[in-house]
Amino acid sequence: MAEVDDAPGIILIGMVIIFGCMVVAVFASILQKLLKNAIDIKSENDLTI
């Protein structure tokens, strides 16, 4: 099984996974805001003549 010496590697892998999930969440949030702004602008433009 895992030795005590392997603990830093396991911790590092866990941190990389958590960091990757955070990056994906931030990217999704930014994309959501941009898409909402684009939809708002499009609906504004549809109402103008």
PDB file of N, CA and C in Angstrom:
ATOM      1  N   MET A   1       0.846  -1.197   0.000  1.00  0.00           N
ATOM      2  CA  MET A   1       0.000   0.000   0.000  1.00  0.00           C
ATOM      3  C   MET A   1       0.880   1.245   0.000  1.00  0.00           C
ATOM      4  N   ALA A   2       0.280   2.393   0.192  1.00  0.00           N
ATOM      5  CA  ALA A   2       1.014   3.662   0.125  1.00  0.00           C
ATOM      6  C   ALA A   2       1.916   3.806   1.345  1.00  0.00           C
ATOM      7  N   GLU A   3       3.129   4.204   1.080  1.00  0.00           N
ATOM      8  CA  GLU A   3       4.080   4.463   2.158  1.00  0.00           C
ATOM      9  C   GLU A   3       3.894   5.893   2.652  1.00  0.00           C
ATOM     10  N   VAL A   4       4.520   6.217   3.768  1.00  0.00           N
ATOM     11  CA  VAL A   4       4.447   7.574   4.308  1.00  0.00           C
ATOM     12  C   VAL A   4       5.128   8.544   3.345  1.00  0.00           C
ATOM     13  N   ASP A   5       6.143   8.081   2.623  1.00  0.00           N
ATOM     14  CA  ASP A   5       6.862   8.945   1.678  1.00  0.00           C
ATOM     15  C   ASP A   5       5.979   9.347   0.495  1.00  0.00           C
ATOM     16  N   ASP A   6       4.936   8.581   0.211  1.00  0.00           N
ATOM     17  CA  ASP A   6       4.063   8.878  -0.925  1.00  0.00           C
ATOM     18  C   ASP A   6       3.047   9.973  -0.616  1.00  0.00           C
ATOM     19  N   ALA A   7       2.882  10.334   0.657  1.00  0.00           N
ATOM     20  CA  ALA A   7       1.856  11.302   1.047  1.00  0.00           C
ATOM     21  C   ALA A   7       1.982  12.637   0.308  1.00  0.00           C
ATOM     22  N   PRO A   8       3.188  13.230   0.181  1.00  0.00           N
ATOM     23  CA  PRO A   8       3.259  14.505  -0.551  1.00  0.00           C
ATOM     24  C   PRO A   8       2.786  14.380  -1.994  1.00  0.00           C
ATOM     25  N   GLY A   9       3.074  13.280  -2.646  1.00  0.00           N
ATOM     26  CA  GLY A   9       2.616  13.081  -4.015  1.00  0.00           C
ATOM     27  C   GLY A   9       1.109  12.991  -4.095  1.00  0.00           C
ATOM     28  N   ILE A  10       0.512  12.275  -3.148  1.00  0.00           N
ATOM     29  CA  ILE A  10      -0.946  12.148  -3.115  1.00  0.00           C
ATOM     30  C   ILE A  10      -1.575  13.509  -2.851  1.00  0.00           C
ATOM     31  N   ILE A  11      -1.002  14.266  -1.921  1.00  0.00           N
ATOM     32  CA  ILE A  11      -1.513  15.608  -1.618  1.00  0.00           C
ATOM     33  C   ILE A  11      -1.384  16.498  -2.846  1.00  0.00           C
ATOM     34  N   LEU A  12      -0.264  16.407  -3.543  1.00  0.00           N
ATOM     35  CA  LEU A  12      -0.046  17.227  -4.739  1.00  0.00           C
ATOM     36  C   LEU A  12      -1.069  16.889  -5.824  1.00  0.00           C
ATOM     37  N   ILE A  13      -1.340  15.601  -6.019  1.00  0.00           N
ATOM     38  CA  ILE A  13      -2.339  15.198  -7.017  1.00  0.00           C
ATOM     39  C   ILE A  13      -3.713  15.748  -6.629  1.00  0.00           C
ATOM     40  N   GLY A  14      -4.049  15.669  -5.353  1.00  0.00           N
ATOM     41  CA  GLY A  14      -5.325  16.214  -4.875  1.00  0.00           C
ATOM     42  C   GLY A  14      -5.430  17.708  -5.113  1.00  0.00           C
ATOM     43  N   MET A  15      -4.334  18.431  -4.838  1.00  0.00           N
ATOM     44  CA  MET A  15      -4.333  19.886  -5.045  1.00  0.00           C
ATOM     45  C   MET A  15      -4.492  20.214  -6.525  1.00  0.00           C
ATOM     46  N   VAL A  16      -3.839  19.460  -7.402  1.00  0.00           N
ATOM     47  CA  VAL A  16      -3.946  19.702  -8.847  1.00  0.00           C
ATOM     48  C   VAL A  16      -5.383  19.471  -9.309  1.00  0.00           C
ATOM     49  N   ILE A  17      -6.023  18.422  -8.816  1.00  0.00           N
ATOM     50  CA  ILE A  17      -7.414  18.140  -9.192  1.00  0.00           C
ATOM     51  C   ILE A  17      -8.326  19.270  -8.726  1.00  0.00           C
ATOM     52  N   ILE A  18      -8.145  19.713  -7.472  1.00  0.00           N
ATOM     53  CA  ILE A  18      -8.970  20.803  -6.937  1.00  0.00           C
ATOM     54  C   ILE A  18      -8.733  22.080  -7.732  1.00  0.00           C
ATOM     55  N   PHE A  19      -7.471  22.381  -8.035  1.00  0.00           N
ATOM     56  CA  PHE A  19      -7.146  23.588  -8.802  1.00  0.00           C
ATOM     57  C   PHE A  19      -7.770  23.523 -10.197  1.00  0.00           C
ATOM     58  N   GLY A  20      -7.707  22.362 -10.822  1.00  0.00           N
ATOM     59  CA  GLY A  20      -8.305  22.196 -12.144  1.00  0.00           C
ATOM     60  C   GLY A  20      -9.807  22.426 -12.109  1.00  0.00           C
ATOM     61  N   CYS A  21     -10.478  21.908 -11.091  1.00  0.00           N
ATOM     62  CA  CYS A  21     -11.921  22.124 -10.960  1.00  0.00           C
ATOM     63  C   CYS A  21     -12.233  23.599 -10.760  1.00  0.00           C
ATOM     64  N   MET A  22     -11.406  24.301  -9.981  1.00  0.00           N
ATOM     65  CA  MET A  22     -11.624  25.732  -9.762  1.00  0.00           C
ATOM     66  C   MET A  22     -11.453  26.510 -11.060  1.00  0.00           C
ATOM     67  N   VAL A  23     -10.465  26.152 -11.860  1.00  0.00           N
ATOM     68  CA  VAL A  23     -10.239  26.835 -13.139  1.00  0.00           C
ATOM     69  C   VAL A  23     -11.446  26.628 -14.053  1.00  0.00           C
ATOM     70  N   VAL A  24     -11.965  25.411 -14.107  1.00  0.00           N
ATOM     71  CA  VAL A  24     -13.137  25.132 -14.938  1.00  0.00           C
ATOM     72  C   VAL A  24     -14.340  25.929 -14.443  1.00  0.00           C
ATOM     73  N   ALA A  25     -14.516  26.021 -13.120  1.00  0.00           N
ATOM     74  CA  ALA A  25     -15.652  26.762 -12.562  1.00  0.00           C
ATOM     75  C   ALA A  25     -15.558  28.246 -12.892  1.00  0.00           C
ATOM     76  N   VAL A  26     -14.357  28.824 -12.770  1.00  0.00           N
ATOM     77  CA  VAL A  26     -14.171  30.243 -13.089  1.00  0.00           C
ATOM     78  C   VAL A  26     -14.430  30.482 -14.573  1.00  0.00           C
ATOM     79  N   PHE A  27     -13.920  29.614 -15.424  1.00  0.00           N
ATOM     80  CA  PHE A  27     -14.127  29.753 -16.865  1.00  0.00           C
ATOM     81  C   PHE A  27     -15.612  29.670 -17.207  1.00  0.00           C
ATOM     82  N   ALA A  28     -16.324  28.739 -16.583  1.00  0.00           N
ATOM     83  CA  ALA A  28     -17.761  28.594 -16.834  1.00  0.00           C
ATOM     84  C   ALA A  28     -18.517  29.831 -16.366  1.00  0.00           C
ATOM     85  N   SER A  29     -18.113  30.400 -15.241  1.00  0.00           N
ATOM     86  CA  SER A  29     -18.767  31.605 -14.729  1.00  0.00           C
ATOM     87  C   SER A  29     -18.568  32.780 -15.674  1.00  0.00           C
ATOM     88  N   ILE A  30     -17.343  32.958 -16.164  1.00  0.00           N
ATOM     89  CA  ILE A  30     -17.055  34.046 -17.105  1.00  0.00           C
ATOM     90  C   ILE A  30     -17.854  33.844 -18.391  1.00  0.00           C
ATOM     91  N   LEU A  31     -17.897  32.616 -18.883  1.00  0.00           N
ATOM     92  CA  LEU A  31     -18.642  32.319 -20.106  1.00  0.00           C
ATOM     93  C   LEU A  31     -20.132  32.593 -19.916  1.00  0.00           C
ATOM     94  N   GLN A  32     -20.651  32.266 -18.739  1.00  0.00           N
ATOM     95  CA  GLN A  32     -22.063  32.504 -18.449  1.00  0.00           C
ATOM     96  C   GLN A  32     -22.374  33.998 -18.468  1.00  0.00           C
ATOM     97  N   LYS A  33     -21.503  34.817 -17.861  1.00  0.00           N
ATOM     98  CA  LYS A  33     -21.723  36.266 -17.848  1.00  0.00           C
ATOM     99  C   LYS A  33     -21.642  36.843 -19.257  1.00  0.00           C
ATOM    100  N   LEU A  34     -20.667  36.385 -20.048  1.00  0.00           N
ATOM    101  CA  LEU A  34     -20.542  36.875 -21.417  1.00  0.00           C
ATOM    102  C   LEU A  34     -21.771  36.501 -22.245  1.00  0.00           C
ATOM    103  N   LEU A  35     -22.247  35.269 -22.081  1.00  0.00           N
ATOM    104  CA  LEU A  35     -23.420  34.821 -22.829  1.00  0.00           C
ATOM    105  C   LEU A  35     -24.657  35.616 -22.426  1.00  0.00           C
ATOM    106  N   LYS A  36     -24.804  35.893 -21.121  1.00  0.00           N
ATOM    107  CA  LYS A  36     -25.949  36.684 -20.656  1.00  0.00           C
ATOM    108  C   LYS A  36     -25.888  38.092 -21.240  1.00  0.00           C
ATOM    109  N   ASN A  37     -24.703  38.701 -21.251  1.00  0.00           N
ATOM    110  CA  ASN A  37     -24.553  40.035 -21.843  1.00  0.00           C
ATOM    111  C   ASN A  37     -24.891  40.003 -23.327  1.00  0.00           C
ATOM    112  N   ALA A  38     -24.441  38.981 -24.031  1.00  0.00           N
ATOM    113  CA  ALA A  38     -24.722  38.881 -25.465  1.00  0.00           C
ATOM    114  C   ALA A  38     -26.222  38.741 -25.711  1.00  0.00           C
ATOM    115  N   ILE A  39     -26.905  37.956 -24.894  1.00  0.00           N
ATOM    116  CA  ILE A  39     -28.354  37.786 -25.049  1.00  0.00           C
ATOM    117  C   ILE A  39     -29.072  39.100 -24.760  1.00  0.00           C
ATOM    118  N   ASP A  40     -28.635  39.824 -23.715  1.00  0.00           N
ATOM    119  CA  ASP A  40     -29.247  41.119 -23.399  1.00  0.00           C
ATOM    120  C   ASP A  40     -29.065  42.102 -24.549  1.00  0.00           C
ATOM    121  N   ILE A  41     -27.862  42.165 -25.097  1.00  0.00           N
ATOM    122  CA  ILE A  41     -27.588  43.084 -26.209  1.00  0.00           C
ATOM    123  C   ILE A  41     -28.422  42.692 -27.427  1.00  0.00           C
ATOM    124  N   LYS A  42     -28.526  41.386 -27.696  1.00  0.00           N
ATOM    125  CA  LYS A  42     -29.311  40.939 -28.851  1.00  0.00           C
ATOM    126  C   LYS A  42     -30.784  41.290 -28.671  1.00  0.00           C
ATOM    127  N   SER A  43     -31.317  41.092 -27.476  1.00  0.00           N
ATOM    128  CA  SER A  43     -32.731  41.417 -27.258  1.00  0.00           C
ATOM    129  C   SER A  43     -32.956  42.924 -27.345  1.00  0.00           C
ATOM    130  N   GLU A  44     -31.983  43.729 -26.913  1.00  0.00           N
ATOM    131  CA  GLU A  44     -32.082  45.184 -27.065  1.00  0.00           C
ATOM    132  C   GLU A  44     -32.101  45.553 -28.540  1.00  0.00           C
ATOM    133  N   ASN A  45     -31.231  44.933 -29.321  1.00  0.00           N
ATOM    134  CA  ASN A  45     -31.155  45.233 -30.750  1.00  0.00           C
ATOM    135  C   ASN A  45     -32.411  44.781 -31.486  1.00  0.00           C
ATOM    136  N   ASP A  46     -33.028  43.702 -31.032  1.00  0.00           N
ATOM    137  CA  ASP A  46     -34.253  43.223 -31.674  1.00  0.00           C
ATOM    138  C   ASP A  46     -35.406  44.198 -31.458  1.00  0.00           C
ATOM    139  N   LEU A  47     -35.376  44.942 -30.344  1.00  0.00           N
ATOM    140  CA  LEU A  47     -36.458  45.878 -30.050  1.00  0.00           C
ATOM    141  C   LEU A  47     -36.301  47.194 -30.808  1.00  0.00           C
ATOM    142  N   THR A  48     -35.086  47.512 -31.262  1.00  0.00           N
ATOM    143  CA  THR A  48     -34.886  48.755 -32.008  1.00  0.00           C
ATOM    144  C   THR A  48     -35.252  48.547 -33.470  1.00  0.00           C
ATOM    145  N   ILE A  49     -35.607  49.648 -34.105  1.00  0.00           N
ATOM    146  CA  ILE A  49     -36.024  49.571 -35.516  1.00  0.00           C
ATOM    147  C   ILE A  49     -34.808  49.735 -36.410  1.00  0.00           C
TER     148      ILE A  49
END
